[in-house]
Amino acid sequence: MNKYKFLLVVTTLIVSIALSITALALAPSGATITVRNSTSAPSDTAGMRVALAGNVTEMDLSGFSNTPSWQGYYGNVTGTIQLADSADNVMYNWSLTSPNGEVYASENSSVIWTNIACFNFTAEGNLSKDDTGNAGGYSQYGLNLSQIEARYGIASSDVDGVDETFSESNTHVTFYTNNLEFNSTECPTAYLYDETGQATAGTFEEVILYDPDSKGIVFVALLENDETGFDNRQHDFQLIVLEDGHGTDTATTDYYFYVELE
């Protein structure tokens, strides 16, 4: 073999290896789900007051209604970081009982993770434009706040709307999705309640991403390590997702769950 042919073989091999490595981006993987429990707040017992003909009575009432806009999920995450081939033959793995990373929930069963971006309340809302160039940053042309609220039957005046729950001024820990970095000031963020009944930065943080391929949003819970949650028990994540239960709408919404472990 002459030196030029040898160089050609080596160069081809290097290019092949580089292409293989590029194709193996660390994308989120579908999660296996085990449902432990699913409940909602019970109705309070009706208060009673006697009525007497001829009387007028001043009184104050208090009560609650379950949100018609959100579903909550919470629980723990276990898994492995593995070294395997495309046929899922494992060369080695590292078990994780309290992993770092993220839990993702989307209505789309096949998210294109390479194009994922932060959901932008003030995006242009022109879904015919290509928004894939903003991967790892803010969506510029995709769904905006008014469009996503309309999709789920939320009025701009509703107290449980998207921007009343998530804030673009809240910060979150820096995280990575499919090798894309999202720094602490990028994505709309909500702080879900801990055992004190308070929302605290740095605990049970959730952000919203936008998938320009499906024209949908992805909810992301940033994993904790056995943090005490809203029910005074330890959880790795708490997550809320949009679901339209307004008026006569009793249909359910399918969500697909993914995890990315570190």
Protein backbone atom coordinates (compact mmCIF):
# COMPACT_ATOMS: atom_id res chain seq x y z
CA MET A 1 0.00 0.00 0.00
CA ASN A 2 1.59 3.35 -0.96
CA LYS A 3 1.60 6.28 1.46
CA TYR A 4 -1.13 8.18 -0.43
CA LYS A 5 -3.50 5.25 -0.35
CA PHE A 6 -2.70 4.73 3.34
CA LEU A 7 -3.47 8.37 4.09
CA LEU A 8 -6.77 8.05 2.21
CA VAL A 9 -7.76 5.00 4.29
CA VAL A 10 -6.81 6.69 7.56
CA THR A 11 -8.63 9.88 6.59
CA THR A 12 -11.75 7.92 5.67
CA LEU A 13 -11.58 6.08 9.00
CA ILE A 14 -11.23 9.33 10.94
CA VAL A 15 -14.20 10.86 9.10
CA SER A 16 -16.29 7.73 9.76
CA ILE A 17 -15.45 7.83 13.47
CA ALA A 18 -16.22 11.55 13.66
CA LEU A 19 -19.61 11.04 11.99
CA SER A 20 -20.42 8.22 14.39
CA ILE A 21 -19.56 10.34 17.40
CA THR A 22 -21.60 13.28 16.09
CA ALA A 23 -24.63 11.03 15.69
CA LEU A 24 -24.50 9.98 19.33
CA ALA A 25 -25.74 13.20 20.93
CA LEU A 26 -26.87 12.73 24.51
CA ALA A 27 -30.60 13.03 23.83
CA PRO A 28 -33.31 12.33 26.43
CA SER A 29 -34.58 8.75 26.45
CA GLY A 30 -38.14 7.48 26.83
CA ALA A 31 -39.02 6.76 30.46
CA THR A 32 -40.67 3.65 31.87
CA ILE A 33 -43.60 4.71 34.08
CA THR A 34 -44.88 3.01 37.22
CA VAL A 35 -48.00 4.74 38.57
CA ARG A 36 -48.13 4.70 42.38
CA ASN A 37 -51.19 6.84 43.03
CA SER A 38 -53.40 9.47 41.41
CA THR A 39 -55.70 11.70 43.44
CA SER A 40 -57.31 15.13 43.53
CA ALA A 41 -58.42 17.33 46.40
CA PRO A 42 -61.72 16.20 47.95
CA SER A 43 -64.68 18.57 48.14
CA ASP A 44 -65.19 20.29 51.47
CA THR A 45 -68.31 19.57 53.50
CA ALA A 46 -70.99 22.19 52.84
CA GLY A 47 -71.42 24.71 55.65
CA MET A 48 -74.90 25.12 57.11
CA ARG A 49 -76.77 28.19 58.28
CA VAL A 50 -80.43 28.28 59.28
CA ALA A 51 -82.82 30.49 57.35
CA LEU A 52 -85.59 32.37 59.13
CA ALA A 53 -88.26 34.16 57.18
CA GLY A 54 -87.92 37.91 57.48
CA ASN A 55 -84.20 37.87 58.38
CA VAL A 56 -81.28 39.16 56.34
CA THR A 57 -77.83 37.73 57.20
CA GLU A 58 -74.41 39.03 56.22
CA MET A 59 -71.74 36.34 55.97
CA ASP A 60 -68.38 35.67 54.28
CA LEU A 61 -67.67 32.41 52.43
CA SER A 62 -64.39 30.75 51.57
CA GLY A 63 -63.74 27.67 49.47
CA PHE A 64 -61.65 26.24 46.65
CA SER A 65 -61.98 24.80 43.17
CA ASN A 66 -59.56 22.41 41.50
CA THR A 67 -57.69 23.97 38.59
CA PRO A 68 -59.18 23.20 35.15
CA SER A 69 -55.82 23.92 33.48
CA TRP A 70 -53.09 21.80 35.07
CA GLN A 71 -52.23 18.18 35.95
CA GLY A 72 -49.47 17.43 38.45
CA TYR A 73 -46.95 14.58 38.56
CA TYR A 74 -44.34 13.78 41.18
CA GLY A 75 -42.15 10.90 42.24
CA ASN A 76 -38.68 9.42 42.15
CA VAL A 77 -36.25 8.51 39.39
CA THR A 78 -33.81 5.62 39.16
CA GLY A 79 -31.83 4.45 36.17
CA THR A 80 -28.46 3.81 34.67
CA ILE A 81 -25.90 5.53 32.55
CA GLN A 82 -24.84 2.94 30.02
CA LEU A 83 -22.40 2.20 27.24
CA ALA A 84 -24.27 0.23 24.58
CA ASP A 85 -24.61 -0.29 20.84
CA SER A 86 -27.59 0.42 18.57
CA ALA A 87 -29.05 -3.02 19.34
CA ASP A 88 -29.03 -2.12 23.07
CA ASN A 89 -26.26 -4.60 23.86
CA VAL A 90 -24.69 -3.17 27.01
CA MET A 91 -20.92 -3.16 27.37
CA TYR A 92 -21.07 -1.50 30.81
CA ASN A 93 -23.46 0.54 32.93
CA TRP A 94 -23.44 2.64 36.08
CA SER A 95 -26.53 2.40 38.31
CA LEU A 96 -27.98 5.63 39.70
CA THR A 97 -30.30 5.60 42.70
CA SER A 98 -30.50 9.41 42.97
CA PRO A 99 -29.51 10.75 39.56
CA ASN A 100 -29.11 14.31 38.39
CA GLY A 101 -30.71 15.45 35.16
CA GLU A 102 -34.21 16.19 33.93
CA VAL A 103 -37.67 14.69 33.46
CA TYR A 104 -39.48 15.81 30.30
CA ALA A 105 -43.21 15.62 29.49
CA SER A 106 -44.57 16.26 25.99
CA GLU A 107 -47.70 15.50 24.01
CA ASN A 108 -45.34 14.47 21.20
CA SER A 109 -44.09 10.88 21.17
CA SER A 110 -41.07 11.75 19.02
CA VAL A 111 -39.51 15.07 20.06
CA ILE A 112 -36.69 16.31 17.79
CA TRP A 113 -34.28 17.17 20.58
CA THR A 114 -31.67 18.75 18.33
CA ASN A 115 -34.01 21.68 17.63
CA ILE A 116 -35.35 22.29 21.14
CA ALA A 117 -35.48 25.87 22.47
CA CYS A 118 -36.93 27.85 25.37
CA PHE A 119 -40.62 28.71 25.10
CA ASN A 120 -40.98 32.43 24.45
CA PHE A 121 -44.08 34.26 25.74
CA THR A 122 -43.65 36.97 23.08
CA ALA A 123 -42.62 34.80 20.10
CA GLU A 124 -43.95 35.84 16.71
CA GLY A 125 -46.46 32.98 16.58
CA ASN A 126 -45.92 32.39 12.87
CA LEU A 127 -45.80 28.59 12.71
CA SER A 128 -45.00 28.57 8.99
CA LYS A 129 -41.56 30.04 9.70
CA ASP A 130 -38.57 27.79 10.38
CA ASP A 131 -37.64 28.21 14.06
CA THR A 132 -35.05 25.42 14.21
CA GLY A 133 -32.14 27.89 14.02
CA ASN A 134 -32.85 29.00 17.59
CA ALA A 135 -32.03 25.64 19.19
CA GLY A 136 -30.51 26.12 22.63
CA GLY A 137 -31.85 29.68 22.87
CA TYR A 138 -35.26 31.34 22.71
CA SER A 139 -37.89 30.45 20.15
CA GLN A 140 -38.45 33.49 17.94
CA TYR A 141 -41.24 32.47 15.55
CA GLY A 142 -43.07 29.64 17.34
CA LEU A 143 -46.06 29.52 19.66
CA ASN A 144 -46.47 32.46 22.03
CA LEU A 145 -48.31 32.90 25.31
CA SER A 146 -51.72 33.85 23.91
CA GLN A 147 -51.66 30.95 21.43
CA ILE A 148 -50.73 28.30 23.97
CA GLU A 149 -53.35 29.55 26.45
CA ALA A 150 -56.00 29.51 23.73
CA ARG A 151 -54.98 25.95 22.85
CA TYR A 152 -55.79 24.85 26.43
CA GLY A 153 -58.90 26.99 26.94
CA ILE A 154 -57.24 29.49 29.29
CA ALA A 155 -58.47 33.09 29.35
CA SER A 156 -55.92 35.87 29.74
CA SER A 157 -57.63 36.87 33.02
CA ASP A 158 -57.47 33.37 34.58
CA VAL A 159 -55.45 33.26 37.79
CA ASP A 160 -54.06 29.82 36.88
CA GLY A 161 -52.77 30.85 33.45
CA VAL A 162 -49.34 30.06 32.05
CA ASP A 163 -47.69 33.41 32.84
CA GLU A 164 -49.28 33.43 36.31
CA THR A 165 -47.54 30.10 36.95
CA PHE A 166 -44.25 30.41 35.02
CA SER A 167 -42.20 33.59 34.95
CA GLU A 168 -39.54 34.65 32.46
CA SER A 169 -37.86 36.63 35.25
CA ASN A 170 -37.38 33.54 37.45
CA THR A 171 -34.00 31.83 37.24
CA HIS A 172 -33.24 28.11 37.14
CA VAL A 173 -30.11 26.00 37.43
CA THR A 174 -28.15 25.62 34.21
CA PHE A 175 -29.08 22.37 32.47
CA TYR A 176 -28.32 20.54 29.23
CA THR A 177 -30.68 18.90 26.74
CA ASN A 178 -29.19 16.97 23.84
CA ASN A 179 -25.85 18.76 24.43
CA LEU A 180 -27.58 22.15 24.24
CA GLU A 181 -26.91 24.42 27.21
CA PHE A 182 -29.73 26.39 28.81
CA ASN A 183 -28.30 28.92 31.24
CA SER A 184 -30.02 30.13 34.37
CA THR A 185 -31.81 33.13 32.84
CA GLU A 186 -33.14 31.58 29.62
CA CYS A 187 -36.41 29.67 30.11
CA PRO A 188 -39.75 30.52 31.79
CA THR A 189 -39.57 28.92 35.23
CA ALA A 190 -41.97 27.87 37.99
CA TYR A 191 -41.04 26.91 41.55
CA LEU A 192 -43.36 24.18 42.81
CA TYR A 193 -44.23 23.99 46.49
CA ASP A 194 -42.12 22.21 49.10
CA GLU A 195 -43.21 20.91 52.50
CA THR A 196 -43.67 24.45 53.81
CA GLY A 197 -46.33 25.19 51.21
CA GLN A 198 -44.03 27.79 49.67
CA ALA A 199 -42.39 28.19 46.27
CA THR A 200 -38.63 28.54 46.69
CA ALA A 201 -36.00 29.20 44.03
CA GLY A 202 -33.62 26.27 43.71
CA THR A 203 -36.17 23.66 44.81
CA PHE A 204 -38.47 21.74 42.44
CA GLU A 205 -37.77 24.04 39.52
CA GLU A 206 -39.69 23.49 36.28
CA VAL A 207 -39.10 25.14 32.90
CA ILE A 208 -40.91 25.17 29.54
CA LEU A 209 -39.21 24.33 26.25
CA TYR A 210 -40.56 24.63 22.71
CA ASP A 211 -40.33 21.92 20.03
CA PRO A 212 -40.43 23.68 16.63
CA ASP A 213 -40.98 20.40 14.78
CA SER A 214 -44.20 19.39 16.55
CA LYS A 215 -45.19 23.03 17.24
CA GLY A 216 -45.71 22.03 20.88
CA ILE A 217 -44.20 22.67 24.27
CA VAL A 218 -42.17 20.41 26.55
CA PHE A 219 -42.38 20.65 30.34
CA VAL A 220 -39.10 19.99 32.15
CA ALA A 221 -38.63 19.13 35.84
CA LEU A 222 -35.04 19.65 37.00
CA LEU A 223 -34.20 16.67 39.19
CA GLU A 224 -33.64 16.89 42.94
CA ASN A 225 -32.02 14.33 45.23
CA ASP A 226 -34.72 13.19 47.68
CA GLU A 227 -36.02 16.70 48.38
CA THR A 228 -39.04 17.04 50.69
CA GLY A 229 -42.02 17.93 48.54
CA PHE A 230 -45.52 19.37 48.80
CA ASP A 231 -46.85 16.30 50.66
CA ASN A 232 -44.03 16.21 53.24
CA ARG A 233 -42.44 13.19 51.51
CA GLN A 234 -39.16 12.98 49.63
CA HIS A 235 -39.26 13.18 45.83
CA ASP A 236 -36.80 13.58 42.98
CA PHE A 237 -39.19 15.64 40.88
CA GLN A 238 -42.47 17.56 40.84
CA LEU A 239 -43.97 18.52 37.49
CA ILE A 240 -47.14 20.21 36.25
CA VAL A 241 -48.45 20.05 32.67
CA LEU A 242 -51.26 21.81 30.83
CA GLU A 243 -54.59 20.01 30.40
CA ASP A 244 -57.87 21.55 29.28
CA GLY A 245 -60.67 20.79 31.72
CA HIS A 246 -62.71 23.95 31.13
CA GLY A 247 -66.47 23.98 30.61
CA THR A 248 -67.75 20.69 29.22
CA ASP A 249 -64.29 19.38 28.21
CA THR A 250 -63.79 16.04 29.97
CA ALA A 251 -61.34 14.54 27.44
CA THR A 252 -57.93 13.46 28.70
CA THR A 253 -54.54 14.40 27.26
CA ASP A 254 -51.74 11.92 26.53
CA TYR A 255 -48.27 12.89 27.76
CA TYR A 256 -45.05 11.07 26.91
CA PHE A 257 -42.24 11.09 29.48
CA TYR A 258 -38.52 11.19 28.85
CA VAL A 259 -35.48 11.31 31.16
CA GLU A 260 -31.94 12.54 30.69
CA LEU A 261 -29.62 11.36 33.46
CA GLU A 262 -26.23 12.62 34.51
